[in-house]
Amino acid sequence: IGLVMPELKGKLDGTAIRVPTPNVSLTCLTAQVGRNTDRDEVNRALKEAAEGPLRGVFYFEERPLVSSDFMGNPHSSICDAAQTQVVGGDLVEVQSWYDNEWGFSNRMVDLTRIVSSAD
């Protein structure tokens, strides 16, 4: 992440895991936050983002689903609420699923709409 967003270098880390489906992957984001928090607070913030400014791009999933359930999901990121972890009060891990092809395709459609509506 630090290669793409230099201001975040050393502040967070993440990984993507390919699972045994042709199109679905899981991203694990780990960040040390600046104050103590807990799982409920982190999940509340993620849910608010999914229902607010990131609606349509980010989704907050509370049901116990498996990788194949995310195939065809149009969101770029689907947070798996059950997997949110907080260690030591300030080390947060969030896991998020995505359909490699369909989520990306939907963002390209969004971008095309924005570009085509520009004056």
C-alpha atoms as a PDB file:
ATOM      1  CA  ILE A   1       0.000   0.000   0.000  1.00  0.00           C
ATOM      2  CA  GLY A   2       2.919   2.326   0.770  1.00  0.00           C
ATOM      3  CA  LEU A   3       4.056   2.088  -2.861  1.00  0.00           C
ATOM      4  CA  VAL A   4       0.750   3.507  -4.086  1.00  0.00           C
ATOM      5  CA  MET A   5       0.103   5.893  -1.186  1.00  0.00           C
ATOM      6  CA  PRO A   6       3.513   6.951   0.202  1.00  0.00           C
ATOM      7  CA  GLU A   7       1.945   8.858   3.109  1.00  0.00           C
ATOM      8  CA  LEU A   8       0.721   5.490   4.468  1.00  0.00           C
ATOM      9  CA  LYS A   9       4.095   3.716   4.263  1.00  0.00           C
ATOM     10  CA  GLY A  10       4.782   1.961   7.553  1.00  0.00           C
ATOM     11  CA  LYS A  11       1.337   2.816   8.936  1.00  0.00           C
ATOM     12  CA  LEU A  12      -0.600  -0.155   7.604  1.00  0.00           C
ATOM     13  CA  ASP A  13      -0.102  -3.355   5.708  1.00  0.00           C
ATOM     14  CA  GLY A  14      -2.260  -5.805   3.820  1.00  0.00           C
ATOM     15  CA  THR A  15      -2.360  -8.885   1.661  1.00  0.00           C
ATOM     16  CA  ALA A  16      -4.696 -10.493  -0.858  1.00  0.00           C
ATOM     17  CA  ILE A  17      -5.457 -14.199  -0.744  1.00  0.00           C
ATOM     18  CA  ARG A  18      -6.633 -16.133  -3.783  1.00  0.00           C
ATOM     19  CA  VAL A  19      -9.268 -18.648  -2.813  1.00  0.00           C
ATOM     20  CA  PRO A  20     -10.398 -21.691  -4.798  1.00  0.00           C
ATOM     21  CA  THR A  21     -12.859 -19.800  -6.977  1.00  0.00           C
ATOM     22  CA  PRO A  22     -11.975 -18.367 -10.361  1.00  0.00           C
ATOM     23  CA  ASN A  23     -13.018 -14.787  -9.596  1.00  0.00           C
ATOM     24  CA  VAL A  24     -13.132 -14.124  -5.850  1.00  0.00           C
ATOM     25  CA  SER A  25     -10.265 -12.968  -3.614  1.00  0.00           C
ATOM     26  CA  LEU A  26      -9.906 -11.928   0.003  1.00  0.00           C
ATOM     27  CA  THR A  27      -7.929  -8.905   1.140  1.00  0.00           C
ATOM     28  CA  CYS A  28      -6.615  -8.697   4.699  1.00  0.00           C
ATOM     29  CA  LEU A  29      -5.869  -5.166   5.870  1.00  0.00           C
ATOM     30  CA  THR A  30      -3.908  -4.708   9.099  1.00  0.00           C
ATOM     31  CA  ALA A  31      -3.378  -1.273  10.630  1.00  0.00           C
ATOM     32  CA  GLN A  32      -2.078   0.047  13.901  1.00  0.00           C
ATOM     33  CA  VAL A  33      -4.458   2.861  14.799  1.00  0.00           C
ATOM     34  CA  GLY A  34      -3.618   5.900  16.899  1.00  0.00           C
ATOM     35  CA  ARG A  35      -5.815   5.018  19.880  1.00  0.00           C
ATOM     36  CA  ASN A  36      -7.479   2.068  21.559  1.00  0.00           C
ATOM     37  CA  THR A  37     -10.624   0.719  19.956  1.00  0.00           C
ATOM     38  CA  ASP A  38     -12.644  -2.479  19.863  1.00  0.00           C
ATOM     39  CA  ARG A  39     -14.243  -4.709  17.262  1.00  0.00           C
ATOM     40  CA  ASP A  40     -17.710  -3.185  17.688  1.00  0.00           C
ATOM     41  CA  GLU A  41     -16.431   0.361  17.129  1.00  0.00           C
ATOM     42  CA  VAL A  42     -14.469  -0.672  14.031  1.00  0.00           C
ATOM     43  CA  ASN A  43     -17.462  -2.527  12.588  1.00  0.00           C
ATOM     44  CA  ARG A  44     -19.779   0.419  13.313  1.00  0.00           C
ATOM     45  CA  ALA A  45     -17.455   2.756  11.403  1.00  0.00           C
ATOM     46  CA  LEU A  46     -17.212   0.317   8.482  1.00  0.00           C
ATOM     47  CA  LYS A  47     -20.993  -0.111   8.366  1.00  0.00           C
ATOM     48  CA  GLU A  48     -21.513   3.670   8.404  1.00  0.00           C
ATOM     49  CA  ALA A  49     -19.077   4.060   5.506  1.00  0.00           C
ATOM     50  CA  ALA A  50     -20.854   1.320   3.534  1.00  0.00           C
ATOM     51  CA  GLU A  51     -24.239   2.949   4.090  1.00  0.00           C
ATOM     52  CA  GLY A  52     -22.946   6.478   3.500  1.00  0.00           C
ATOM     53  CA  PRO A  53     -20.138   7.861   1.356  1.00  0.00           C
ATOM     54  CA  LEU A  54     -18.978   4.479   0.009  1.00  0.00           C
ATOM     55  CA  ARG A  55     -22.451   3.132  -0.780  1.00  0.00           C
ATOM     56  CA  GLY A  56     -22.381   1.084  -3.984  1.00  0.00           C
ATOM     57  CA  VAL A  57     -18.607   0.592  -3.852  1.00  0.00           C
ATOM     58  CA  PHE A  58     -18.097  -0.837  -0.336  1.00  0.00           C
ATOM     59  CA  TYR A  59     -20.466  -3.296   1.352  1.00  0.00           C
ATOM     60  CA  PHE A  60     -20.648  -4.431   4.982  1.00  0.00           C
ATOM     61  CA  GLU A  61     -21.652  -8.110   5.226  1.00  0.00           C
ATOM     62  CA  GLU A  62     -22.803  -9.588   8.535  1.00  0.00           C
ATOM     63  CA  ARG A  63     -24.056 -12.966   7.290  1.00  0.00           C
ATOM     64  CA  PRO A  64     -21.719 -15.998   7.493  1.00  0.00           C
ATOM     65  CA  LEU A  65     -20.906 -16.417   3.793  1.00  0.00           C
ATOM     66  CA  VAL A  66     -18.168 -18.272   1.907  1.00  0.00           C
ATOM     67  CA  SER A  67     -16.007 -17.212  -1.041  1.00  0.00           C
ATOM     68  CA  SER A  68     -18.361 -18.439  -3.764  1.00  0.00           C
ATOM     69  CA  ASP A  69     -21.178 -16.298  -2.313  1.00  0.00           C
ATOM     70  CA  PHE A  70     -19.334 -13.170  -3.466  1.00  0.00           C
ATOM     71  CA  MET A  71     -19.159 -14.097  -7.162  1.00  0.00           C
ATOM     72  CA  GLY A  72     -21.105 -11.540  -9.157  1.00  0.00           C
ATOM     73  CA  ASN A  73     -21.172  -8.987  -6.345  1.00  0.00           C
ATOM     74  CA  PRO A  74     -20.798  -5.508  -7.911  1.00  0.00           C
ATOM     75  CA  HIS A  75     -19.016  -3.923  -4.917  1.00  0.00           C
ATOM     76  CA  SER A  76     -15.265  -3.338  -5.025  1.00  0.00           C
ATOM     77  CA  SER A  77     -14.951  -4.467  -1.426  1.00  0.00           C
ATOM     78  CA  ILE A  78     -17.268  -6.537   0.789  1.00  0.00           C
ATOM     79  CA  CYS A  79     -16.210  -6.360   4.437  1.00  0.00           C
ATOM     80  CA  ASP A  80     -16.637  -9.670   6.286  1.00  0.00           C
ATOM     81  CA  ALA A  81     -17.816  -8.275   9.647  1.00  0.00           C
ATOM     82  CA  ALA A  82     -17.341 -11.567  11.497  1.00  0.00           C
ATOM     83  CA  GLN A  83     -13.626 -11.528  10.677  1.00  0.00           C
ATOM     84  CA  THR A  84     -12.824  -8.070  12.108  1.00  0.00           C
ATOM     85  CA  GLN A  85     -10.183  -8.408  14.823  1.00  0.00           C
ATOM     86  CA  VAL A  86      -8.619  -5.972  17.290  1.00  0.00           C
ATOM     87  CA  VAL A  87      -5.468  -7.048  19.130  1.00  0.00           C
ATOM     88  CA  GLY A  88      -4.017  -5.118  22.043  1.00  0.00           C
ATOM     89  CA  GLY A  89      -6.570  -2.360  21.567  1.00  0.00           C
ATOM     90  CA  ASP A  90      -4.834  -0.649  18.651  1.00  0.00           C
ATOM     91  CA  LEU A  91      -3.954  -3.309  16.059  1.00  0.00           C
ATOM     92  CA  VAL A  92      -6.915  -3.768  13.705  1.00  0.00           C
ATOM     93  CA  GLU A  93      -7.402  -6.394  11.004  1.00  0.00           C
ATOM     94  CA  VAL A  94     -10.260  -6.196   8.517  1.00  0.00           C
ATOM     95  CA  GLN A  95     -10.959  -8.846   5.881  1.00  0.00           C
ATOM     96  CA  SER A  96     -12.777  -7.939   2.710  1.00  0.00           C
ATOM     97  CA  TRP A  97     -13.915 -10.041  -0.244  1.00  0.00           C
ATOM     98  CA  TYR A  98     -14.180  -8.952  -3.857  1.00  0.00           C
ATOM     99  CA  ASP A  99     -15.066 -10.415  -7.233  1.00  0.00           C
ATOM    100  CA  ASN A 100     -11.904  -9.712  -9.238  1.00  0.00           C
ATOM    101  CA  GLU A 101     -13.676  -9.192 -12.529  1.00  0.00           C
ATOM    102  CA  TRP A 102     -17.197  -7.978 -11.786  1.00  0.00           C
ATOM    103  CA  GLY A 103     -16.327  -5.402  -9.114  1.00  0.00           C
ATOM    104  CA  PHE A 104     -13.614  -3.919 -11.345  1.00  0.00           C
ATOM    105  CA  SER A 105     -15.953  -3.870 -14.358  1.00  0.00           C
ATOM    106  CA  ASN A 106     -18.533  -1.955 -12.343  1.00  0.00           C
ATOM    107  CA  ARG A 107     -15.962   0.673 -11.338  1.00  0.00           C
ATOM    108  CA  MET A 108     -15.011   1.092 -15.014  1.00  0.00           C
ATOM    109  CA  VAL A 109     -18.690   1.729 -15.807  1.00  0.00           C
ATOM    110  CA  ASP A 110     -18.778   4.305 -12.984  1.00  0.00           C
ATOM    111  CA  LEU A 111     -15.664   5.997 -14.371  1.00  0.00           C
ATOM    112  CA  THR A 112     -17.115   6.035 -17.889  1.00  0.00           C
ATOM    113  CA  ARG A 113     -20.261   7.735 -16.578  1.00  0.00           C
ATOM    114  CA  ILE A 114     -18.204  10.378 -14.777  1.00  0.00           C
ATOM    115  CA  VAL A 115     -15.996  11.071 -17.796  1.00  0.00           C
ATOM    116  CA  SER A 116     -18.931  11.184 -20.216  1.00  0.00           C
ATOM    117  CA  SER A 117     -20.794  13.686 -18.040  1.00  0.00           C
ATOM    118  CA  ALA A 118     -17.809  16.065 -17.746  1.00  0.00           C
ATOM    119  CA  ASP A 119     -18.118  19.326 -19.638  1.00  0.00           C
END
